[in-house]
Amino acid sequence: MAETMKKPINTWQDAGVEQAWEQLTQPSTWDAIVVGGGITGAGIAREAARRGLRVLLLERQDFAWGTSSRSSKMVHGGLRYIAAGDVKTTMHSVHERERLMQELPGLVDRMGYLMAHYQGGFPGPFVFNTLLRIYDFFAGKKYRQYFPAAAFQWRAPYIQSEQLLGGTQFADAVTDDSRLVMRVLREAQRDGACVLNYVSVDRLCKEEGRVTGVHVTNQRTQQTLLLQAHVVINATGAWADELRQAVSDQRHIRPARGSHIVLPQWRLPSAQALTVLHPEDRRPIFIFPWEGRTVVGTTDLDNNGIANEEASMTRDELRYLLKVVDAQYPSQAIVEADVISSWAGVRPLVSSGALNPSKEKRDHSVWDEQGLVSVSGGKLTTFRLIALDVLAKAKRYIPNYPVGQFSEQLFTPMSRSLDGMQHLPKYLQRRLQGHYGADLPSLLALAVEGDFELIPGSRTLWLELRWAAQHEAIHHLDDLLLRRTRLGLLLPQGGLLLIDRIRHVSQAGLTWDDARWQHEIERYRTLWQRHYGIPNE
């Protein structure tokens, strides 16, 4: 192992981003440089750092900017994988789901799922509940329960009732995916990892055919550096082939776009997730509650390549999602004007040549190529297992790689009782504990008058904006409103109707002058309209 690292800089506080960049300018060899700041890269950095490795994580955009802030927000076992014969993936996923619910209440929480059964429909109650027996067996708990039509309609009001036999309730979990990434990154930092956003890896450095480091650019300042590492880990997901082209001509990634729409919950009441088969292609679509809204998704389409830019939902996808809502909730008459926002993410499917991206396996793959270890595919739920598989490949490049048993617990335990928030409702206390973990005491200490008020139309406190602005490496306004908080997805016009109060709360932490604020507001407005509003084409 390389020399012992100095006390890690907290790169999200006290101008730490600049300090960390200065630290990189000192000649040194990292044990591992992880490229990619989504859930996969975060998980790898966390597991590497807890083993005492000198690890550096670099993200060319913002943390969770890509797939990991644009998922379906579900931590699930993959029930459909059982039907496809991939029992192993389901078993591992269910085990990890149960682990995350136990460790992260308030961030990863159990959510009821409902499946309606109609006369002549597939799957019928018997087949579906047979699959659920296996699902519950892996969890060691019985979540499944069948309800006749009247009792089921009480749990899923307004659904299509014609020829309804009844329905089944089971369980998975729901999360805020970008906050999950932040929690994992914070654990990596506490164990010594250096974590930086807006630092791009421009190309690999090679000596005698082997990867020995990376050339990087600080996107904030345009400074460049050459960094040395025993191994470079490519955790860029849907962009993995881009970095791999320096060591291989093979292409493995099939980028697939998944899009969602967000509706007011009063227009489409939803207390549990409803699994619906789309009337056109019989694909499963979820209609589920999230952060006080109702979300509908996802599509599953080939993205026809991938670039370093935002993904967007198309009008065809919008019509597709509205059609399934109309088929399942005809009495609600949901129309395009009801849509608050949309989001589209690109999944990193590992191509097997299937005609339809929905038929591709969701398991991950790892490639070891001359000092570059790449990973892609997989599920949000199994990020810990993916990290362990990657490190198993990477360890042969790292001198004195530590051996022995390491804890499976991912997150630092914290007190369930904290001064400063007893006046808040229990659900908000639980939410804050889940979202911020060991940082919660520092967050509460930051509060000023009015900070414990909810931002209208959300479950987010003004205090959370203040914290993120000061302590979570914000570089652009969309970092604050789309990923550190989700106000851009939950509020009309992306939250711009509240921009004066947002600016007032955030200004001290962001230290932007008036010109910078105006630039960021206009940049965000354009970005939101183009990629998170209702598509024009």
Protein backbone atom coordinates (compact mmCIF):
# COMPACT_ATOMS: atom_id res chain seq x y z
CA MET A 1 0.00 0.00 0.00
CA ALA A 2 1.14 3.53 -0.63
CA GLU A 3 2.30 5.83 2.13
CA THR A 4 -0.13 6.64 4.89
CA MET A 5 -2.48 9.41 3.86
CA LYS A 6 -2.68 12.62 5.84
CA LYS A 7 -5.92 13.43 7.59
CA PRO A 8 -8.47 13.62 4.75
CA ILE A 9 -9.80 16.99 3.72
CA ASN A 10 -13.55 17.30 4.01
CA THR A 11 -13.99 18.38 0.40
CA TRP A 12 -17.56 19.61 0.93
CA GLN A 13 -16.83 22.18 3.60
CA ASP A 14 -14.69 25.23 4.32
CA ALA A 15 -13.39 25.79 0.77
CA GLY A 16 -12.28 22.17 0.85
CA VAL A 17 -12.71 21.70 -2.91
CA GLU A 18 -9.87 24.11 -3.60
CA GLN A 19 -7.76 22.61 -0.80
CA ALA A 20 -8.28 19.10 -2.14
CA TRP A 21 -7.26 20.16 -5.64
CA GLU A 22 -4.08 21.65 -4.21
CA GLN A 23 -3.45 18.34 -2.45
CA LEU A 24 -3.65 16.57 -5.81
CA THR A 25 -0.80 18.69 -7.14
CA GLN A 26 1.61 17.02 -4.70
CA PRO A 27 3.48 14.08 -6.32
CA SER A 28 1.89 10.88 -5.07
CA THR A 29 0.57 7.54 -6.24
CA TRP A 30 -3.00 6.63 -5.34
CA ASP A 31 -3.91 3.04 -4.70
CA ALA A 32 -7.05 3.52 -6.78
CA ILE A 33 -8.56 6.34 -8.78
CA VAL A 34 -12.29 5.80 -9.23
CA VAL A 35 -13.81 7.56 -12.22
CA GLY A 36 -17.52 8.22 -11.84
CA GLY A 37 -19.51 9.77 -8.99
CA GLY A 38 -22.74 7.78 -9.22
CA ILE A 39 -23.85 5.04 -6.86
CA THR A 40 -21.42 2.48 -8.32
CA GLY A 41 -18.37 4.72 -7.97
CA ALA A 42 -19.49 5.85 -4.53
CA GLY A 43 -19.86 2.25 -3.38
CA ILE A 44 -16.39 1.33 -4.69
CA ALA A 45 -14.79 4.35 -3.00
CA ARG A 46 -16.54 3.50 0.25
CA GLU A 47 -15.37 -0.13 0.26
CA ALA A 48 -11.83 0.79 -0.84
CA ALA A 49 -11.45 3.49 1.80
CA ARG A 50 -12.68 1.30 4.64
CA ARG A 51 -9.85 -1.11 3.71
CA GLY A 52 -7.31 1.64 4.27
CA LEU A 53 -6.58 2.24 0.59
CA ARG A 54 -5.66 5.68 -0.73
CA VAL A 55 -8.59 6.30 -2.99
CA LEU A 56 -9.54 9.28 -5.12
CA LEU A 57 -12.98 9.59 -6.72
CA LEU A 58 -13.48 11.99 -9.63
CA GLU A 59 -16.73 13.00 -11.32
CA ARG A 60 -16.68 15.22 -14.42
CA GLN A 61 -20.16 16.58 -13.76
CA ASP A 62 -21.95 16.67 -10.42
CA PHE A 63 -22.27 13.74 -8.04
CA ALA A 64 -25.15 11.48 -9.16
CA TRP A 65 -25.57 13.68 -12.25
CA GLY A 66 -26.19 10.75 -14.58
CA THR A 67 -28.21 7.62 -13.99
CA SER A 68 -28.01 7.77 -10.19
CA SER A 69 -30.25 10.82 -9.87
CA ARG A 70 -32.64 9.73 -12.62
CA SER A 71 -33.61 6.20 -11.59
CA SER A 72 -37.08 5.00 -10.66
CA LYS A 73 -36.16 5.66 -6.98
CA MET A 74 -36.76 2.01 -6.13
CA VAL A 75 -34.60 -0.27 -4.02
CA HIS A 76 -36.11 -3.55 -5.11
CA GLY A 77 -35.33 -7.20 -5.48
CA GLY A 78 -36.28 -7.54 -9.11
CA LEU A 79 -39.34 -9.75 -8.95
CA ARG A 80 -39.44 -10.15 -12.72
CA TYR A 81 -35.96 -11.67 -12.71
CA ILE A 82 -37.38 -14.76 -11.02
CA ALA A 83 -39.78 -15.23 -13.92
CA ALA A 84 -36.82 -14.83 -16.29
CA GLY A 85 -34.90 -17.54 -14.42
CA ASP A 86 -32.33 -15.17 -12.87
CA VAL A 87 -32.95 -16.29 -9.31
CA LYS A 88 -29.44 -15.41 -8.10
CA THR A 89 -29.82 -11.72 -8.97
CA THR A 90 -33.16 -11.59 -7.17
CA MET A 91 -31.81 -13.31 -4.06
CA HIS A 92 -28.85 -10.91 -3.77
CA SER A 93 -31.06 -7.91 -4.45
CA VAL A 94 -33.61 -8.85 -1.80
CA HIS A 95 -30.88 -9.36 0.79
CA GLU A 96 -29.38 -5.94 0.01
CA ARG A 97 -32.82 -4.32 0.06
CA GLU A 98 -33.43 -5.63 3.56
CA ARG A 99 -29.98 -4.45 4.67
CA LEU A 100 -30.54 -0.92 3.37
CA MET A 101 -33.98 -0.62 4.94
CA GLN A 102 -32.47 -1.63 8.27
CA GLU A 103 -29.47 0.73 8.07
CA LEU A 104 -31.15 3.74 6.46
CA PRO A 105 -34.67 4.29 7.79
CA GLY A 106 -35.86 7.63 6.50
CA LEU A 107 -33.89 7.29 3.26
CA VAL A 108 -34.59 3.72 2.19
CA ASP A 109 -38.08 2.82 3.35
CA ARG A 110 -40.44 -0.03 2.75
CA MET A 111 -43.18 0.72 0.24
CA GLY A 112 -46.24 -1.36 -0.48
CA TYR A 113 -46.66 -2.54 -4.07
CA LEU A 114 -49.99 -3.51 -5.57
CA MET A 115 -50.78 -5.71 -8.55
CA ALA A 116 -54.36 -5.81 -9.84
CA HIS A 117 -55.69 -9.04 -11.34
CA TYR A 118 -58.32 -8.92 -14.08
CA GLN A 119 -60.35 -11.69 -15.70
CA GLY A 120 -58.25 -13.32 -18.41
CA GLY A 121 -55.24 -11.22 -17.48
CA PHE A 122 -51.67 -12.39 -16.89
CA PRO A 123 -50.24 -12.98 -14.41
CA GLY A 124 -53.19 -14.35 -12.50
CA PRO A 125 -53.33 -14.46 -8.71
CA PHE A 126 -51.98 -18.02 -8.44
CA VAL A 127 -48.94 -17.51 -10.68
CA PHE A 128 -48.11 -14.11 -9.19
CA ASN A 129 -48.35 -15.30 -5.61
CA THR A 130 -46.17 -18.30 -6.42
CA LEU A 131 -43.42 -15.91 -7.51
CA LEU A 132 -43.96 -13.88 -4.37
CA ARG A 133 -43.46 -16.95 -2.18
CA ILE A 134 -39.89 -17.13 -3.48
CA TYR A 135 -39.48 -13.36 -3.11
CA ASP A 136 -40.59 -13.44 0.52
CA PHE A 137 -38.49 -16.54 1.22
CA PHE A 138 -35.34 -14.60 0.27
CA ALA A 139 -36.39 -11.76 2.59
CA GLY A 140 -37.25 -14.10 5.45
CA LYS A 141 -40.55 -12.25 5.85
CA LYS A 142 -44.05 -12.59 4.51
CA TYR A 143 -45.02 -9.36 2.81
CA ARG A 144 -47.50 -10.76 0.28
CA GLN A 145 -51.26 -10.68 0.79
CA TYR A 146 -54.17 -11.18 -1.60
CA PHE A 147 -57.33 -9.03 -1.44
CA PRO A 148 -60.67 -9.53 -3.19
CA ALA A 149 -61.90 -6.76 -5.47
CA ALA A 150 -63.68 -4.54 -2.92
CA ALA A 151 -60.85 -4.66 -0.38
CA PHE A 152 -58.27 -4.08 -3.10
CA GLN A 153 -60.09 -1.02 -4.45
CA TRP A 154 -59.97 0.48 -0.97
CA ARG A 155 -56.16 0.25 -1.20
CA ALA A 156 -56.05 1.45 -4.82
CA PRO A 157 -58.91 3.90 -5.26
CA TYR A 158 -60.00 5.07 -8.73
CA ILE A 159 -58.37 2.18 -10.60
CA GLN A 160 -60.14 0.51 -13.51
CA SER A 161 -62.74 -1.75 -11.88
CA GLU A 162 -64.21 -3.52 -14.90
CA GLN A 163 -63.53 -7.28 -14.66
CA LEU A 164 -61.38 -6.75 -11.56
CA LEU A 165 -60.92 -10.01 -9.65
CA GLY A 166 -58.84 -8.56 -6.82
CA GLY A 167 -55.22 -7.79 -6.25
CA THR A 168 -52.02 -8.68 -4.47
CA GLN A 169 -49.97 -6.53 -2.14
CA PHE A 170 -46.24 -7.14 -1.64
CA ALA A 171 -43.27 -5.00 -0.60
CA ASP A 172 -40.11 -3.39 -1.91
CA ALA A 173 -38.48 -0.09 -0.97
CA VAL A 174 -38.26 3.50 -2.19
CA THR A 175 -35.44 6.04 -1.84
CA ASP A 176 -34.10 9.41 -2.92
CA ASP A 177 -31.38 8.08 -5.19
CA SER A 178 -29.14 11.16 -5.28
CA ARG A 179 -29.25 11.52 -1.48
CA LEU A 180 -28.29 7.85 -1.21
CA VAL A 181 -25.22 8.58 -3.32
CA MET A 182 -24.34 11.48 -1.01
CA ARG A 183 -24.64 9.31 2.08
CA VAL A 184 -22.31 6.69 0.59
CA LEU A 185 -19.79 9.32 -0.51
CA ARG A 186 -19.76 10.82 2.98
CA GLU A 187 -18.93 7.41 4.44
CA ALA A 188 -16.07 7.10 1.95
CA GLN A 189 -14.79 10.53 2.99
CA ARG A 190 -14.89 9.61 6.68
CA ASP A 191 -12.64 6.65 5.93
CA GLY A 192 -10.14 8.84 4.08
CA ALA A 193 -11.28 8.98 0.46
CA CYS A 194 -10.79 12.19 -1.49
CA VAL A 195 -13.97 12.94 -3.44
CA LEU A 196 -14.26 15.68 -6.10
CA ASN A 197 -16.94 16.70 -8.55
CA TYR A 198 -16.41 18.74 -11.71
CA VAL A 199 -13.02 17.13 -12.38
CA SER A 200 -12.97 15.31 -15.70
CA VAL A 201 -10.71 12.43 -16.69
CA ASP A 202 -9.65 13.41 -20.19
CA ARG A 203 -7.51 10.39 -21.02
CA LEU A 204 -5.62 7.50 -19.50
CA CYS A 205 -1.89 7.53 -18.86
CA LYS A 206 -0.12 4.35 -20.00
CA GLU A 207 3.40 2.99 -19.59
CA GLU A 208 4.56 -0.12 -21.46
CA GLY A 209 0.96 -0.89 -22.37
CA ARG A 210 -0.39 -0.67 -18.84
CA VAL A 211 -2.63 2.02 -17.39
CA THR A 212 -0.76 3.94 -14.69
CA GLY A 213 -2.84 7.05 -14.16
CA VAL A 214 -5.08 9.70 -15.65
CA HIS A 215 -4.91 13.17 -17.15
CA VAL A 216 -7.57 15.35 -15.53
CA THR A 217 -9.06 18.84 -15.86
CA ASN A 218 -10.60 20.90 -13.07
CA GLN A 219 -13.81 22.13 -14.71
CA ARG A 220 -14.04 25.01 -12.24
CA THR A 221 -10.62 26.49 -13.09
CA GLN A 222 -9.52 24.62 -16.27
CA GLN A 223 -6.31 23.56 -14.52
CA THR A 224 -4.91 20.20 -15.61
CA LEU A 225 -2.95 17.50 -13.80
CA LEU A 226 -1.42 14.09 -14.39
CA LEU A 227 -2.30 11.73 -11.53
CA GLN A 228 -0.65 8.36 -10.88
CA ALA A 229 -2.46 5.28 -9.57
CA HIS A 230 -1.83 1.58 -9.14
CA VAL A 231 -5.24 0.93 -10.70
CA VAL A 232 -7.87 3.07 -12.39
CA ILE A 233 -11.46 1.97 -11.85
CA ASN A 234 -13.94 2.97 -14.53
CA ALA A 235 -17.34 3.33 -12.86
CA THR A 236 -18.88 5.64 -15.44
CA GLY A 237 -21.87 3.40 -16.13
CA ALA A 238 -23.49 4.19 -19.46
CA TRP A 239 -20.29 6.05 -20.46
CA ALA A 240 -17.95 3.14 -19.63
CA ASP A 241 -16.98 2.37 -23.25
CA GLU A 242 -15.79 5.97 -23.68
CA LEU A 243 -12.92 5.49 -21.22
CA ARG A 244 -12.28 1.89 -22.28
CA GLN A 245 -11.52 2.79 -25.89
CA ALA A 246 -7.89 3.45 -24.93
CA VAL A 247 -7.41 -0.22 -23.99
CA SER A 248 -10.01 -2.11 -26.03
CA ASP A 249 -11.90 -1.92 -29.31
CA GLN A 250 -14.81 -3.90 -27.88
CA ARG A 251 -18.06 -2.14 -27.01
CA HIS A 252 -20.24 -3.65 -24.32
CA ILE A 253 -22.69 -0.95 -23.27
CA ARG A 254 -26.21 -0.55 -24.64
CA PRO A 255 -27.51 2.79 -23.34
CA ALA A 256 -31.25 2.59 -22.68
CA ARG A 257 -33.37 5.60 -21.78
CA GLY A 258 -35.97 5.46 -19.04
CA SER A 259 -38.32 8.42 -18.60
CA HIS A 260 -40.79 9.41 -15.89
CA ILE A 261 -43.46 12.04 -15.31
CA VAL A 262 -44.40 13.69 -12.01
CA LEU A 263 -48.04 14.49 -11.19
CA PRO A 264 -49.76 16.22 -8.26
CA GLN A 265 -50.90 13.61 -5.79
CA TRP A 266 -54.30 15.26 -5.50
CA ARG A 267 -54.83 14.56 -9.22
CA LEU A 268 -53.69 10.95 -8.98
CA PRO A 269 -53.89 9.73 -5.37
CA SER A 270 -51.31 7.05 -4.65
CA ALA A 271 -50.44 5.68 -1.23
CA GLN A 272 -48.64 2.58 -2.55
CA ALA A 273 -46.92 1.69 -5.80
CA LEU A 274 -49.20 0.18 -8.41
CA THR A 275 -47.68 -2.15 -11.00
CA VAL A 276 -49.53 -1.81 -14.30
CA LEU A 277 -49.02 -3.63 -17.60
CA HIS A 278 -49.06 -1.12 -20.42
CA PRO A 279 -51.95 -1.72 -22.85
CA GLU A 280 -49.66 -1.42 -25.89
CA ASP A 281 -46.73 -3.72 -25.13
CA ARG A 282 -47.57 -5.31 -21.73
CA ARG A 283 -44.44 -3.84 -20.14
CA PRO A 284 -44.71 -3.25 -16.39
CA ILE A 285 -45.07 0.44 -15.47
CA PHE A 286 -45.05 1.79 -11.91
CA ILE A 287 -47.37 4.47 -10.59
CA PHE A 288 -46.08 5.32 -7.14
CA PRO A 289 -45.88 7.98 -4.40
CA TRP A 290 -42.61 9.86 -3.98
CA GLU A 291 -41.89 13.01 -1.96
CA GLY A 292 -45.57 14.00 -1.87
CA ARG A 293 -46.09 13.54 -5.61
CA THR A 294 -47.15 10.67 -7.86
CA VAL A 295 -44.58 9.37 -10.33
CA VAL A 296 -45.29 7.34 -13.47
CA GLY A 297 -42.54 5.37 -15.20
CA THR A 298 -40.55 4.07 -16.75
CA THR A 299 -40.08 3.78 -20.47
CA ASP A 300 -37.31 1.54 -21.81
CA LEU A 301 -35.89 2.59 -25.16
CA ASP A 302 -32.53 2.43 -26.91
CA ASN A 303 -30.91 5.84 -26.50
CA ASN A 304 -28.98 5.64 -29.79
CA GLY A 305 -25.64 6.47 -28.27
CA ILE A 306 -24.63 8.61 -25.32
CA ALA A 307 -23.01 12.01 -24.88
CA ASN A 308 -21.89 14.09 -21.93
CA GLU A 309 -25.19 15.95 -21.79
CA GLU A 310 -28.63 15.78 -20.19
CA ALA A 311 -31.07 13.12 -21.34
CA SER A 312 -34.62 14.18 -22.20
CA MET A 313 -38.02 12.56 -22.47
CA THR A 314 -39.65 12.70 -25.92
CA ARG A 315 -43.27 13.49 -26.72
CA ASP A 316 -43.78 9.86 -27.76
CA GLU A 317 -42.68 8.78 -24.28
CA LEU A 318 -45.00 11.37 -22.71
CA ARG A 319 -47.95 10.00 -24.68
CA TYR A 320 -46.93 6.45 -23.76
CA LEU A 321 -46.95 7.21 -20.04
CA LEU A 322 -50.18 9.20 -20.14
CA LYS A 323 -51.83 6.33 -22.01
CA VAL A 324 -51.12 3.83 -19.24
CA VAL A 325 -52.47 6.27 -16.66
CA ASP A 326 -55.64 6.75 -18.68
CA ALA A 327 -56.08 2.98 -19.06
CA GLN A 328 -55.68 2.31 -15.32
CA TYR A 329 -57.33 5.49 -13.97
CA PRO A 330 -59.96 6.45 -16.59
CA SER A 331 -62.08 8.44 -14.14
CA GLN A 332 -59.22 10.81 -13.29
CA ALA A 333 -58.87 12.14 -16.85
CA ILE A 334 -55.18 12.98 -16.45
CA VAL A 335 -53.90 15.23 -19.24
CA GLU A 336 -50.57 16.75 -20.27
CA ALA A 337 -51.29 19.98 -18.39
CA ASP A 338 -51.30 18.03 -15.11
CA VAL A 339 -47.63 17.09 -15.47
CA ILE A 340 -45.38 19.03 -13.06
CA SER A 341 -42.06 17.79 -14.41
CA SER A 342 -40.30 14.91 -16.10
CA TRP A 343 -36.93 13.26 -15.94
CA ALA A 344 -35.03 10.90 -18.19
CA GLY A 345 -32.04 8.75 -17.33
CA VAL A 346 -29.83 6.45 -19.37
CA ARG A 347 -29.30 2.97 -17.98
CA PRO A 348 -26.00 1.17 -18.61
CA LEU A 349 -27.26 -2.15 -19.94
CA VAL A 350 -24.60 -4.70 -20.89
CA SER A 351 -25.51 -5.76 -24.40
CA SER A 352 -26.23 -9.39 -25.20
CA GLY A 353 -27.83 -8.72 -28.57
CA ALA A 354 -31.45 -8.85 -27.40
CA LEU A 355 -33.87 -7.18 -29.79
CA ASN A 356 -35.54 -5.18 -27.03
CA PRO A 357 -33.64 -3.38 -24.24
CA SER A 358 -36.29 -4.60 -21.78
CA LYS A 359 -35.03 -8.14 -22.45
CA GLU A 360 -31.42 -7.39 -21.51
CA LYS A 361 -30.21 -8.72 -18.18
CA ARG A 362 -29.75 -6.18 -15.38
CA ASP A 363 -26.76 -7.91 -13.81
CA HIS A 364 -23.40 -6.13 -13.81
CA SER A 365 -20.19 -7.03 -15.64
CA VAL A 366 -16.55 -6.28 -14.74
CA TRP A 367 -13.67 -6.07 -17.25
CA ASP A 368 -9.99 -6.15 -16.28
CA GLU A 369 -7.88 -4.56 -19.02
CA GLN A 370 -4.22 -3.66 -18.43
CA GLY A 371 -4.66 -1.72 -15.22
CA LEU A 372 -8.11 -0.36 -16.06
CA VAL A 373 -10.92 -2.17 -14.25
CA SER A 374 -14.31 -1.25 -15.70
CA VAL A 375 -17.77 -2.04 -14.41
CA SER A 376 -21.19 -1.41 -15.83
CA GLY A 377 -24.73 -2.68 -15.58
CA GLY A 378 -26.30 -3.78 -12.34
CA LYS A 379 -28.87 -2.27 -10.04
CA LEU A 380 -29.00 0.57 -7.56
CA THR A 381 -29.92 -1.98 -4.90
CA THR A 382 -26.77 -4.08 -5.24
CA PHE A 383 -24.13 -1.34 -5.33
CA ARG A 384 -22.27 -2.84 -2.34
CA LEU A 385 -21.95 -6.25 -4.02
CA ILE A 386 -20.85 -4.60 -7.27
CA ALA A 387 -18.13 -2.73 -5.36
CA LEU A 388 -16.82 -5.96 -3.83
CA ASP A 389 -16.67 -7.64 -7.26
CA VAL A 390 -14.74 -4.69 -8.67
CA LEU A 391 -12.22 -4.66 -5.84
CA ALA A 392 -11.71 -8.41 -6.24
CA LYS A 393 -10.47 -7.67 -9.78
CA ALA A 394 -8.54 -4.52 -8.85
CA LYS A 395 -6.61 -5.91 -5.89
CA ARG A 396 -3.96 -7.65 -7.99
CA TYR A 397 -2.67 -4.24 -9.08
CA ILE A 398 -2.47 -2.79 -5.54
CA PRO A 399 0.66 -3.58 -3.49
CA ASN A 400 -0.04 -4.98 -0.04
CA TYR A 401 -3.78 -5.12 -0.61
CA PRO A 402 -5.32 -5.66 2.84
CA VAL A 403 -6.67 -9.10 3.64
CA GLY A 404 -9.11 -10.13 6.31
CA GLN A 405 -12.74 -9.55 7.15
CA PHE A 406 -14.33 -6.14 6.92
CA SER A 407 -17.68 -5.03 8.24
CA GLU A 408 -20.69 -5.38 5.98
CA GLN A 409 -22.32 -2.39 7.65
CA LEU A 410 -22.27 0.50 5.21
CA PHE A 411 -23.31 3.47 7.30
CA THR A 412 -22.14 5.00 10.56
CA PRO A 413 -24.72 4.35 13.31
CA MET A 414 -26.11 7.46 14.91
CA SER A 415 -28.25 8.45 17.83
CA ARG A 416 -32.00 8.24 17.32
CA SER A 417 -32.52 11.18 19.67
CA LEU A 418 -31.05 14.55 18.76
CA ASP A 419 -31.41 17.96 20.35
CA GLY A 420 -32.75 20.61 18.04
CA MET A 421 -35.49 18.81 16.20
CA GLN A 422 -37.85 17.50 18.87
CA HIS A 423 -40.42 20.04 17.73
CA LEU A 424 -40.57 18.50 14.26
CA PRO A 425 -43.11 15.82 13.33
CA LYS A 426 -41.81 12.27 13.65
CA TYR A 427 -41.82 11.71 9.89
CA LEU A 428 -39.53 14.73 9.39
CA GLN A 429 -37.19 13.64 12.18
CA ARG A 430 -36.92 10.22 10.54
CA ARG A 431 -36.41 11.77 7.11
CA LEU A 432 -33.61 14.07 8.30
CA GLN A 433 -31.85 11.23 10.08
CA GLY A 434 -32.00 9.10 6.94
CA HIS A 435 -30.93 11.84 4.55
CA TYR A 436 -28.03 13.25 6.58
CA GLY A 437 -26.90 10.57 9.02
CA ALA A 438 -23.87 11.59 11.06
CA ASP A 439 -23.96 15.09 9.53
CA LEU A 440 -27.32 15.81 11.15
CA PRO A 441 -25.99 17.49 14.35
CA SER A 442 -23.96 19.91 12.21
CA LEU A 443 -26.96 20.58 9.98
CA LEU A 444 -29.21 21.36 12.96
CA ALA A 445 -26.60 23.70 14.43
CA LEU A 446 -26.73 25.75 11.23
CA ALA A 447 -30.43 26.66 11.58
CA VAL A 448 -31.64 30.24 11.83
CA GLU A 449 -35.16 31.58 12.22
CA GLY A 450 -37.51 30.18 9.59
CA ASP A 451 -35.23 27.31 8.55
CA PHE A 452 -37.48 24.63 10.05
CA GLU A 453 -40.37 25.64 7.80
CA LEU A 454 -41.22 23.34 4.93
CA ILE A 455 -40.60 24.71 1.47
CA PRO A 456 -44.14 25.04 0.03
CA GLY A 457 -45.13 22.04 -2.05
CA SER A 458 -42.38 19.80 -0.67
CA ARG A 459 -41.16 17.84 2.33
CA THR A 460 -37.87 19.74 2.28
CA LEU A 461 -36.88 22.23 4.97
CA TRP A 462 -35.31 25.57 4.11
CA LEU A 463 -32.51 24.40 6.40
CA GLU A 464 -31.61 21.67 3.91
CA LEU A 465 -31.02 24.28 1.21
CA ARG A 466 -28.81 26.28 3.58
CA TRP A 467 -26.79 23.17 4.44
CA ALA A 468 -26.33 22.06 0.85
CA ALA A 469 -25.26 25.53 -0.28
CA GLN A 470 -22.57 25.71 2.41
CA HIS A 471 -21.41 22.11 2.68
CA GLU A 472 -22.14 19.99 -0.39
CA ALA A 473 -19.88 21.19 -3.22
CA ILE A 474 -22.52 23.13 -5.18
CA HIS A 475 -21.16 24.53 -8.46
CA HIS A 476 -24.37 25.21 -10.39
CA LEU A 477 -27.94 25.97 -9.38
CA ASP A 478 -29.13 22.63 -10.80
CA ASP A 479 -26.79 20.83 -8.36
CA LEU A 480 -28.79 22.45 -5.56
CA LEU A 481 -32.33 22.11 -6.95
CA LEU A 482 -32.17 18.83 -8.89
CA ARG A 483 -29.77 16.64 -6.88
CA ARG A 484 -28.98 17.89 -3.33
CA THR A 485 -32.68 18.66 -3.03
CA ARG A 486 -35.37 17.53 -5.49
CA LEU A 487 -37.27 20.81 -5.66
CA GLY A 488 -36.73 21.02 -9.41
CA LEU A 489 -38.74 17.83 -9.87
CA LEU A 490 -41.41 18.51 -7.27
CA LEU A 491 -42.35 22.15 -7.78
CA PRO A 492 -43.96 23.90 -10.78
CA GLN A 493 -41.43 25.53 -13.10
CA GLY A 494 -38.64 23.73 -11.30
CA GLY A 495 -38.97 25.88 -8.18
CA LEU A 496 -38.26 29.16 -9.96
CA LEU A 497 -41.41 30.69 -8.47
CA LEU A 498 -39.55 30.60 -5.12
CA ILE A 499 -36.19 31.72 -6.44
CA ASP A 500 -36.01 34.90 -4.35
CA ARG A 501 -36.31 32.95 -1.08
CA ILE A 502 -34.02 30.22 -2.43
CA ARG A 503 -31.42 32.86 -3.20
CA HIS A 504 -31.81 34.51 0.20
CA VAL A 505 -31.26 31.21 2.05
CA SER A 506 -28.43 30.00 -0.21
CA GLN A 507 -26.50 33.17 -1.02
CA ALA A 508 -24.12 33.16 1.94
CA GLY A 509 -23.10 29.57 1.34
CA LEU A 510 -22.68 29.91 -2.41
CA THR A 511 -20.96 33.33 -2.33
CA TRP A 512 -22.16 34.13 -5.86
CA ASP A 513 -22.35 37.80 -6.78
CA ASP A 514 -25.43 39.26 -8.49
CA ALA A 515 -24.10 38.62 -11.99
CA ARG A 516 -23.33 34.99 -11.20
CA TRP A 517 -26.78 34.50 -9.66
CA GLN A 518 -28.48 35.91 -12.74
CA HIS A 519 -26.39 33.68 -14.99
CA GLU A 520 -27.19 30.60 -12.91
CA ILE A 521 -30.92 31.36 -12.87
CA GLU A 522 -31.06 31.75 -16.64
CA ARG A 523 -28.91 28.66 -17.16
CA TYR A 524 -31.16 26.63 -14.87
CA ARG A 525 -34.37 27.92 -16.49
CA THR A 526 -33.13 26.85 -19.94
CA LEU A 527 -31.91 23.48 -18.68
CA TRP A 528 -35.15 22.74 -16.82
CA GLN A 529 -37.41 23.68 -19.73
CA ARG A 530 -35.39 21.59 -22.15
CA HIS A 531 -34.82 18.48 -20.05
CA TYR A 532 -37.22 18.42 -17.08
CA GLY A 533 -40.40 20.08 -18.29
CA ILE A 534 -42.94 18.92 -20.87
CA PRO A 535 -41.08 18.01 -24.07
CA ASN A 536 -41.74 20.04 -27.20
CA GLU A 537 -40.83 17.22 -29.55
